């Protein structure tokens, strides 16, 4: 994710199950887990929840599409 001061920052994008919703409690739980198990610079600064993440026909996550989406949003805000 773009960051004005650092260039980029860590963002978590999580695909939730149909029966779950990404809410403030889940964000708090995930951020706490990351803080316990990861170094500070590897912890996400924010979390987004998606119903479906972009995947290749093989099922592998297509990270480039996610990254491009956030960079495009950032560039549109700057214009």
PDB file of N, CA and C in Angstrom:
ATOM      1  N   UNK A   1       0.849  -1.171   0.000  1.00  0.00           N
ATOM      2  CA  UNK A   1       0.000   0.000   0.000  1.00  0.00           C
ATOM      3  C   UNK A   1       0.891   1.229   0.000  1.00  0.00           C
ATOM      4  N   UNK A   2       0.552   2.241  -0.782  1.00  0.00           N
ATOM      5  CA  UNK A   2       1.356   3.463  -0.801  1.00  0.00           C
ATOM      6  C   UNK A   2       1.318   4.188   0.539  1.00  0.00           C
ATOM      7  N   UNK A   3       2.437   4.800   0.887  1.00  0.00           N
ATOM      8  CA  UNK A   3       2.542   5.598   2.102  1.00  0.00           C
ATOM      9  C   UNK A   3       3.322   6.855   1.750  1.00  0.00           C
ATOM     10  N   UNK A   4       2.786   8.018   2.096  1.00  0.00           N
ATOM     11  CA  UNK A   4       3.402   9.291   1.739  1.00  0.00           C
ATOM     12  C   UNK A   4       4.800   9.413   2.331  1.00  0.00           C
ATOM     13  N   UNK A   5       4.977   9.016   3.582  1.00  0.00           N
ATOM     14  CA  UNK A   5       6.265   9.176   4.255  1.00  0.00           C
ATOM     15  C   UNK A   5       7.260   8.073   3.920  1.00  0.00           C
ATOM     16  N   UNK A   6       6.795   6.827   3.856  1.00  0.00           N
ATOM     17  CA  UNK A   6       7.699   5.687   3.714  1.00  0.00           C
ATOM     18  C   UNK A   6       7.784   5.127   2.292  1.00  0.00           C
ATOM     19  N   UNK A   7       6.874   5.528   1.418  1.00  0.00           N
ATOM     20  CA  UNK A   7       6.837   4.962   0.078  1.00  0.00           C
ATOM     21  C   UNK A   7       5.812   3.843  -0.006  1.00  0.00           C
ATOM     22  N   UNK A   8       5.950   2.850   0.859  1.00  0.00           N
ATOM     23  CA  UNK A   8       5.001   1.739   0.948  1.00  0.00           C
ATOM     24  C   UNK A   8       4.826   1.335   2.398  1.00  0.00           C
ATOM     25  N   UNK A   9       3.690   0.714   2.681  1.00  0.00           N
ATOM     26  CA  UNK A   9       3.447   0.162   4.012  1.00  0.00           C
ATOM     27  C   UNK A   9       2.715  -1.165   3.865  1.00  0.00           C
ATOM     28  N   UNK A  10       2.741  -1.952   4.918  1.00  0.00           N
ATOM     29  CA  UNK A  10       2.103  -3.271   4.901  1.00  0.00           C
ATOM     30  C   UNK A  10       0.603  -3.114   5.117  1.00  0.00           C
ATOM     31  N   UNK A  11      -0.164  -3.771   4.274  1.00  0.00           N
ATOM     32  CA  UNK A  11      -1.626  -3.813   4.394  1.00  0.00           C
ATOM     33  C   UNK A  11      -2.042  -5.266   4.260  1.00  0.00           C
ATOM     34  N   UNK A  12      -2.962  -5.702   5.095  1.00  0.00           N
ATOM     35  CA  UNK A  12      -3.490  -7.052   4.993  1.00  0.00           C
ATOM     36  C   UNK A  12      -4.828  -6.995   4.271  1.00  0.00           C
ATOM     37  N   UNK A  13      -4.991  -7.855   3.291  1.00  0.00           N
ATOM     38  CA  UNK A  13      -6.269  -8.000   2.593  1.00  0.00           C
ATOM     39  C   UNK A  13      -6.685  -9.452   2.802  1.00  0.00           C
ATOM     40  N   UNK A  14      -7.819  -9.642   3.464  1.00  0.00           N
ATOM     41  CA  UNK A  14      -8.226 -10.966   3.922  1.00  0.00           C
ATOM     42  C   UNK A  14      -9.549 -11.350   3.284  1.00  0.00           C
ATOM     43  N   UNK A  15      -9.593 -12.560   2.755  1.00  0.00           N
ATOM     44  CA  UNK A  15     -10.834 -13.106   2.212  1.00  0.00           C
ATOM     45  C   UNK A  15     -11.571 -13.798   3.343  1.00  0.00           C
ATOM     46  N   UNK A  16     -12.779 -13.311   3.634  1.00  0.00           N
ATOM     47  CA  UNK A  16     -13.570 -13.891   4.723  1.00  0.00           C
ATOM     48  C   UNK A  16     -14.538 -14.929   4.166  1.00  0.00           C
ATOM     49  N   UNK A  17     -14.908 -15.873   5.014  1.00  0.00           N
ATOM     50  CA  UNK A  17     -15.901 -16.874   4.642  1.00  0.00           C
ATOM     51  C   UNK A  17     -17.271 -16.227   4.558  1.00  0.00           C
ATOM     52  N   UNK A  18     -18.177 -16.879   3.869  1.00  0.00           N
ATOM     53  CA  UNK A  18     -19.527 -16.340   3.719  1.00  0.00           C
ATOM     54  C   UNK A  18     -20.210 -16.128   5.064  1.00  0.00           C
ATOM     55  N   UNK A  19     -19.878 -16.959   6.035  1.00  0.00           N
ATOM     56  CA  UNK A  19     -20.544 -16.882   7.333  1.00  0.00           C
ATOM     57  C   UNK A  19     -19.912 -15.842   8.255  1.00  0.00           C
ATOM     58  N   UNK A  20     -18.768 -15.294   7.864  1.00  0.00           N
ATOM     59  CA  UNK A  20     -18.067 -14.327   8.713  1.00  0.00           C
ATOM     60  C   UNK A  20     -18.131 -12.938   8.104  1.00  0.00           C
ATOM     61  N   UNK A  21     -17.945 -11.954   8.967  1.00  0.00           N
ATOM     62  CA  UNK A  21     -17.852 -10.576   8.516  1.00  0.00           C
ATOM     63  C   UNK A  21     -16.603  -9.974   9.125  1.00  0.00           C
ATOM     64  N   UNK A  22     -15.922  -9.173   8.343  1.00  0.00           N
ATOM     65  CA  UNK A  22     -14.772  -8.455   8.884  1.00  0.00           C
ATOM     66  C   UNK A  22     -15.270  -7.253   9.658  1.00  0.00           C
ATOM     67  N   UNK A  23     -15.119  -7.290  10.968  1.00  0.00           N
ATOM     68  CA  UNK A  23     -15.573  -6.184  11.792  1.00  0.00           C
ATOM     69  C   UNK A  23     -14.425  -5.682  12.665  1.00  0.00           C
ATOM     70  N   UNK A  24     -14.710  -4.690  13.486  1.00  0.00           N
ATOM     71  CA  UNK A  24     -13.684  -4.085  14.331  1.00  0.00           C
ATOM     72  C   UNK A  24     -13.069  -5.107  15.289  1.00  0.00           C
ATOM     73  N   UNK A  25     -13.876  -6.033  15.784  1.00  0.00           N
ATOM     74  CA  UNK A  25     -13.348  -7.056  16.697  1.00  0.00           C
ATOM     75  C   UNK A  25     -12.335  -7.943  15.988  1.00  0.00           C
ATOM     76  N   UNK A  26     -12.647  -8.325  14.749  1.00  0.00           N
ATOM     77  CA  UNK A  26     -11.733  -9.172  13.994  1.00  0.00           C
ATOM     78  C   UNK A  26     -10.440  -8.416  13.672  1.00  0.00           C
ATOM     79  N   UNK A  27     -10.555  -7.144  13.333  1.00  0.00           N
ATOM     80  CA  UNK A  27      -9.364  -6.326  13.062  1.00  0.00           C
ATOM     81  C   UNK A  27      -8.485  -6.278  14.311  1.00  0.00           C
ATOM     82  N   UNK A  28      -9.096  -6.048  15.454  1.00  0.00           N
ATOM     83  CA  UNK A  28      -8.355  -5.980  16.718  1.00  0.00           C
ATOM     84  C   UNK A  28      -7.644  -7.304  17.012  1.00  0.00           C
ATOM     85  N   UNK A  29      -8.340  -8.410  16.811  1.00  0.00           N
ATOM     86  CA  UNK A  29      -7.751  -9.737  17.039  1.00  0.00           C
ATOM     87  C   UNK A  29      -6.560  -9.986  16.119  1.00  0.00           C
ATOM     88  N   UNK A  30      -6.742  -9.693  14.841  1.00  0.00           N
ATOM     89  CA  UNK A  30      -5.668  -9.929  13.868  1.00  0.00           C
ATOM     90  C   UNK A  30      -4.467  -9.029  14.120  1.00  0.00           C
ATOM     91  N   UNK A  31      -4.718  -7.766  14.443  1.00  0.00           N
ATOM     92  CA  UNK A  31      -3.610  -6.846  14.731  1.00  0.00           C
ATOM     93  C   UNK A  31      -2.854  -7.299  15.985  1.00  0.00           C
ATOM     94  N   UNK A  32      -3.576  -7.771  16.986  1.00  0.00           N
ATOM     95  CA  UNK A  32      -2.932  -8.288  18.194  1.00  0.00           C
ATOM     96  C   UNK A  32      -2.083  -9.505  17.906  1.00  0.00           C
ATOM     97  N   UNK A  33      -2.618 -10.414  17.088  1.00  0.00           N
ATOM     98  CA  UNK A  33      -1.872 -11.613  16.718  1.00  0.00           C
ATOM     99  C   UNK A  33      -0.589 -11.233  15.977  1.00  0.00           C
ATOM    100  N   UNK A  34      -0.708 -10.310  15.031  1.00  0.00           N
ATOM    101  CA  UNK A  34       0.474  -9.881  14.272  1.00  0.00           C
ATOM    102  C   UNK A  34       1.506  -9.237  15.189  1.00  0.00           C
ATOM    103  N   UNK A  35       1.048  -8.413  16.125  1.00  0.00           N
ATOM    104  CA  UNK A  35       1.967  -7.741  17.043  1.00  0.00           C
ATOM    105  C   UNK A  35       2.739  -8.751  17.893  1.00  0.00           C
ATOM    106  N   UNK A  36       2.087  -9.860  18.253  1.00  0.00           N
ATOM    107  CA  UNK A  36       2.746 -10.888  19.062  1.00  0.00           C
ATOM    108  C   UNK A  36       3.741 -11.724  18.258  1.00  0.00           C
ATOM    109  N   UNK A  37       3.464 -11.953  16.981  1.00  0.00           N
ATOM    110  CA  UNK A  37       4.235 -12.914  16.201  1.00  0.00           C
ATOM    111  C   UNK A  37       5.135 -12.323  15.122  1.00  0.00           C
ATOM    112  N   UNK A  38       5.002 -11.039  14.836  1.00  0.00           N
ATOM    113  CA  UNK A  38       5.810 -10.422  13.779  1.00  0.00           C
ATOM    114  C   UNK A  38       6.567  -9.220  14.323  1.00  0.00           C
ATOM    115  N   UNK A  39       7.635  -8.874  13.649  1.00  0.00           N
ATOM    116  CA  UNK A  39       8.331  -7.649  14.030  1.00  0.00           C
ATOM    117  C   UNK A  39       7.459  -6.455  13.658  1.00  0.00           C
ATOM    118  N   UNK A  40       7.700  -5.321  14.280  1.00  0.00           N
ATOM    119  CA  UNK A  40       6.846  -4.155  14.117  1.00  0.00           C
ATOM    120  C   UNK A  40       6.719  -3.708  12.661  1.00  0.00           C
ATOM    121  N   UNK A  41       7.820  -3.731  11.920  1.00  0.00           N
ATOM    122  CA  UNK A  41       7.775  -3.259  10.539  1.00  0.00           C
ATOM    123  C   UNK A  41       7.032  -4.226   9.607  1.00  0.00           C
ATOM    124  N   UNK A  42       6.802  -5.455  10.037  1.00  0.00           N
ATOM    125  CA  UNK A  42       6.072  -6.433   9.222  1.00  0.00           C
ATOM    126  C   UNK A  42       4.579  -6.476   9.542  1.00  0.00           C
ATOM    127  N   UNK A  43       4.162  -5.817  10.612  1.00  0.00           N
ATOM    128  CA  UNK A  43       2.748  -5.799  10.985  1.00  0.00           C
ATOM    129  C   UNK A  43       1.976  -4.873  10.054  1.00  0.00           C
ATOM    130  N   UNK A  44       0.787  -5.291   9.640  1.00  0.00           N
ATOM    131  CA  UNK A  44      -0.018  -4.416   8.783  1.00  0.00           C
ATOM    132  C   UNK A  44      -0.481  -3.184   9.547  1.00  0.00           C
ATOM    133  N   UNK A  45      -0.544  -2.076   8.851  1.00  0.00           N
ATOM    134  CA  UNK A  45      -1.058  -0.845   9.456  1.00  0.00           C
ATOM    135  C   UNK A  45      -2.570  -0.766   9.309  1.00  0.00           C
ATOM    136  N   UNK A  46      -3.095  -1.533   8.351  1.00  0.00           N
ATOM    137  CA  UNK A  46      -4.545  -1.569   8.153  1.00  0.00           C
ATOM    138  C   UNK A  46      -4.930  -2.914   7.552  1.00  0.00           C
ATOM    139  N   UNK A  47      -6.218  -3.236   7.688  1.00  0.00           N
ATOM    140  CA  UNK A  47      -6.733  -4.509   7.183  1.00  0.00           C
ATOM    141  C   UNK A  47      -8.008  -4.238   6.405  1.00  0.00           C
ATOM    142  N   UNK A  48      -8.095  -4.817   5.216  1.00  0.00           N
ATOM    143  CA  UNK A  48      -9.322  -4.786   4.415  1.00  0.00           C
ATOM    144  C   UNK A  48      -9.850  -6.206   4.300  1.00  0.00           C
ATOM    145  N   UNK A  49     -11.164  -6.326   4.227  1.00  0.00           N
ATOM    146  CA  UNK A  49     -11.801  -7.628   4.062  1.00  0.00           C
ATOM    147  C   UNK A  49     -12.489  -7.673   2.710  1.00  0.00           C
ATOM    148  N   UNK A  50     -12.321  -8.769   2.000  1.00  0.00           N
ATOM    149  CA  UNK A  50     -12.913  -8.954   0.678  1.00  0.00           C
ATOM    150  C   UNK A  50     -13.700 -10.257   0.670  1.00  0.00           C
ATOM    151  N   UNK A  51     -14.769 -10.280  -0.095  1.00  0.00           N
ATOM    152  CA  UNK A  51     -15.542 -11.512  -0.255  1.00  0.00           C
ATOM    153  C   UNK A  51     -14.794 -12.489  -1.159  1.00  0.00           C
ATOM    154  N   UNK A  52     -14.065 -11.948  -2.145  1.00  0.00           N
ATOM    155  CA  UNK A  52     -13.332 -12.784  -3.101  1.00  0.00           C
ATOM    156  C   UNK A  52     -12.044 -12.078  -3.495  1.00  0.00           C
ATOM    157  N   UNK A  53     -10.934 -12.772  -3.410  1.00  0.00           N
ATOM    158  CA  UNK A  53      -9.647 -12.238  -3.841  1.00  0.00           C
ATOM    159  C   UNK A  53      -9.353 -12.708  -5.265  1.00  0.00           C
ATOM    160  N   UNK A  54      -8.624 -11.893  -6.039  1.00  0.00           N
ATOM    161  CA  UNK A  54      -8.303 -12.308  -7.413  1.00  0.00           C
ATOM    162  C   UNK A  54      -7.345 -13.495  -7.418  1.00  0.00           C
ATOM    163  N   UNK A  55      -7.696 -14.506  -8.190  1.00  0.00           N
ATOM    164  CA  UNK A  55      -6.869 -15.713  -8.247  1.00  0.00           C
ATOM    165  C   UNK A  55      -6.625 -16.100  -9.696  1.00  0.00           C
ATOM    166  N   UNK A  56      -5.482 -16.723  -9.918  1.00  0.00           N
ATOM    167  CA  UNK A  56      -5.152 -17.287 -11.219  1.00  0.00           C
ATOM    168  C   UNK A  56      -5.979 -18.549 -11.430  1.00  0.00           C
ATOM    169  N   UNK A  57      -6.083 -19.048 -12.648  1.00  0.00           N
ATOM    170  CA  UNK A  57      -6.836 -20.283 -12.887  1.00  0.00           C
ATOM    171  C   UNK A  57      -6.354 -21.464 -12.038  1.00  0.00           C
ATOM    172  N   UNK A  58      -5.093 -21.428 -11.618  1.00  0.00           N
ATOM    173  CA  UNK A  58      -4.559 -22.494 -10.772  1.00  0.00           C
ATOM    174  C   UNK A  58      -4.986 -22.354  -9.313  1.00  0.00           C
ATOM    175  N   UNK A  59      -5.603 -21.227  -8.960  1.00  0.00           N
ATOM    176  CA  UNK A  59      -6.029 -20.991  -7.587  1.00  0.00           C
ATOM    177  C   UNK A  59      -5.062 -20.132  -6.797  1.00  0.00           C
ATOM    178  N   UNK A  60      -3.898 -19.852  -7.367  1.00  0.00           N
ATOM    179  CA  UNK A  60      -2.903 -19.038  -6.677  1.00  0.00           C
ATOM    180  C   UNK A  60      -3.359 -17.580  -6.638  1.00  0.00           C
ATOM    181  N   UNK A  61      -3.089 -16.920  -5.517  1.00  0.00           N
ATOM    182  CA  UNK A  61      -3.464 -15.520  -5.346  1.00  0.00           C
ATOM    183  C   UNK A  61      -2.729 -14.647  -6.353  1.00  0.00           C
ATOM    184  N   UNK A  62      -3.455 -13.754  -6.999  1.00  0.00           N
ATOM    185  CA  UNK A  62      -2.875 -12.847  -7.983  1.00  0.00           C
ATOM    186  C   UNK A  62      -2.600 -11.518  -7.283  1.00  0.00           C
ATOM    187  N   UNK A  63      -1.454 -11.434  -6.598  1.00  0.00           N
ATOM    188  CA  UNK A  63      -1.108 -10.284  -5.763  1.00  0.00           C
ATOM    189  C   UNK A  63      -0.968  -8.999  -6.558  1.00  0.00           C
ATOM    190  N   UNK A  64      -0.498  -9.100  -7.783  1.00  0.00           N
ATOM    191  CA  UNK A  64      -0.280  -7.906  -8.599  1.00  0.00           C
ATOM    192  C   UNK A  64      -1.585  -7.112  -8.781  1.00  0.00           C
ATOM    193  N   UNK A  65      -2.702  -7.799  -8.981  1.00  0.00           N
ATOM    194  CA  UNK A  65      -3.980  -7.093  -9.133  1.00  0.00           C
ATOM    195  C   UNK A  65      -4.361  -6.345  -7.862  1.00  0.00           C
ATOM    196  N   UNK A  66      -4.105  -6.948  -6.707  1.00  0.00           N
ATOM    197  CA  UNK A  66      -4.387  -6.266  -5.438  1.00  0.00           C
ATOM    198  C   UNK A  66      -3.519  -5.026  -5.290  1.00  0.00           C
ATOM    199  N   UNK A  67      -2.236  -5.191  -5.520  1.00  0.00           N
ATOM    200  CA  UNK A  67      -1.306  -4.072  -5.374  1.00  0.00           C
ATOM    201  C   UNK A  67      -1.664  -2.953  -6.347  1.00  0.00           C
ATOM    202  N   UNK A  68      -1.950  -3.301  -7.586  1.00  0.00           N
ATOM    203  CA  UNK A  68      -2.300  -2.296  -8.593  1.00  0.00           C
ATOM    204  C   UNK A  68      -3.558  -1.524  -8.191  1.00  0.00           C
ATOM    205  N   UNK A  69      -4.517  -2.193  -7.586  1.00  0.00           N
ATOM    206  CA  UNK A  69      -5.754  -1.535  -7.160  1.00  0.00           C
ATOM    207  C   UNK A  69      -5.456  -0.434  -6.139  1.00  0.00           C
ATOM    208  N   UNK A  70      -4.621  -0.737  -5.155  1.00  0.00           N
ATOM    209  CA  UNK A  70      -4.320   0.253  -4.121  1.00  0.00           C
ATOM    210  C   UNK A  70      -3.452   1.384  -4.657  1.00  0.00           C
ATOM    211  N   UNK A  71      -2.526   1.074  -5.544  1.00  0.00           N
ATOM    212  CA  UNK A  71      -1.703   2.132  -6.135  1.00  0.00           C
ATOM    213  C   UNK A  71      -2.544   3.025  -7.033  1.00  0.00           C
ATOM    214  N   UNK A  72      -3.502   2.471  -7.769  1.00  0.00           N
ATOM    215  CA  UNK A  72      -4.370   3.271  -8.631  1.00  0.00           C
ATOM    216  C   UNK A  72      -5.228   4.215  -7.785  1.00  0.00           C
ATOM    217  N   UNK A  73      -5.774   3.701  -6.676  1.00  0.00           N
ATOM    218  CA  UNK A  73      -6.570   4.546  -5.769  1.00  0.00           C
ATOM    219  C   UNK A  73      -5.736   5.696  -5.236  1.00  0.00           C
ATOM    220  N   UNK A  74      -4.497   5.399  -4.881  1.00  0.00           N
ATOM    221  CA  UNK A  74      -3.586   6.419  -4.342  1.00  0.00           C
ATOM    222  C   UNK A  74      -3.298   7.489  -5.400  1.00  0.00           C
ATOM    223  N   UNK A  75      -3.017   7.068  -6.612  1.00  0.00           N
ATOM    224  CA  UNK A  75      -2.713   8.023  -7.686  1.00  0.00           C
ATOM    225  C   UNK A  75      -3.914   8.880  -8.009  1.00  0.00           C
ATOM    226  N   UNK A  76      -5.117   8.291  -7.988  1.00  0.00           N
ATOM    227  CA  UNK A  76      -6.347   9.075  -8.260  1.00  0.00           C
ATOM    228  C   UNK A  76      -6.580  10.136  -7.200  1.00  0.00           C
ATOM    229  N   UNK A  77      -6.245   9.835  -5.956  1.00  0.00           N
ATOM    230  CA  UNK A  77      -6.412  10.822  -4.877  1.00  0.00           C
ATOM    231  C   UNK A  77      -5.427  11.973  -5.013  1.00  0.00           C
ATOM    232  N   UNK A  78      -4.250  11.705  -5.581  1.00  0.00           N
ATOM    233  CA  UNK A  78      -3.251  12.754  -5.741  1.00  0.00           C
ATOM    234  C   UNK A  78      -3.575  13.718  -6.872  1.00  0.00           C
ATOM    235  N   UNK A  79      -4.369  13.257  -7.840  1.00  0.00           N
ATOM    236  CA  UNK A  79      -4.703  14.108  -9.004  1.00  0.00           C
ATOM    237  C   UNK A  79      -5.769  15.109  -8.704  1.00  0.00           C
TER     238      UNK A  79
END
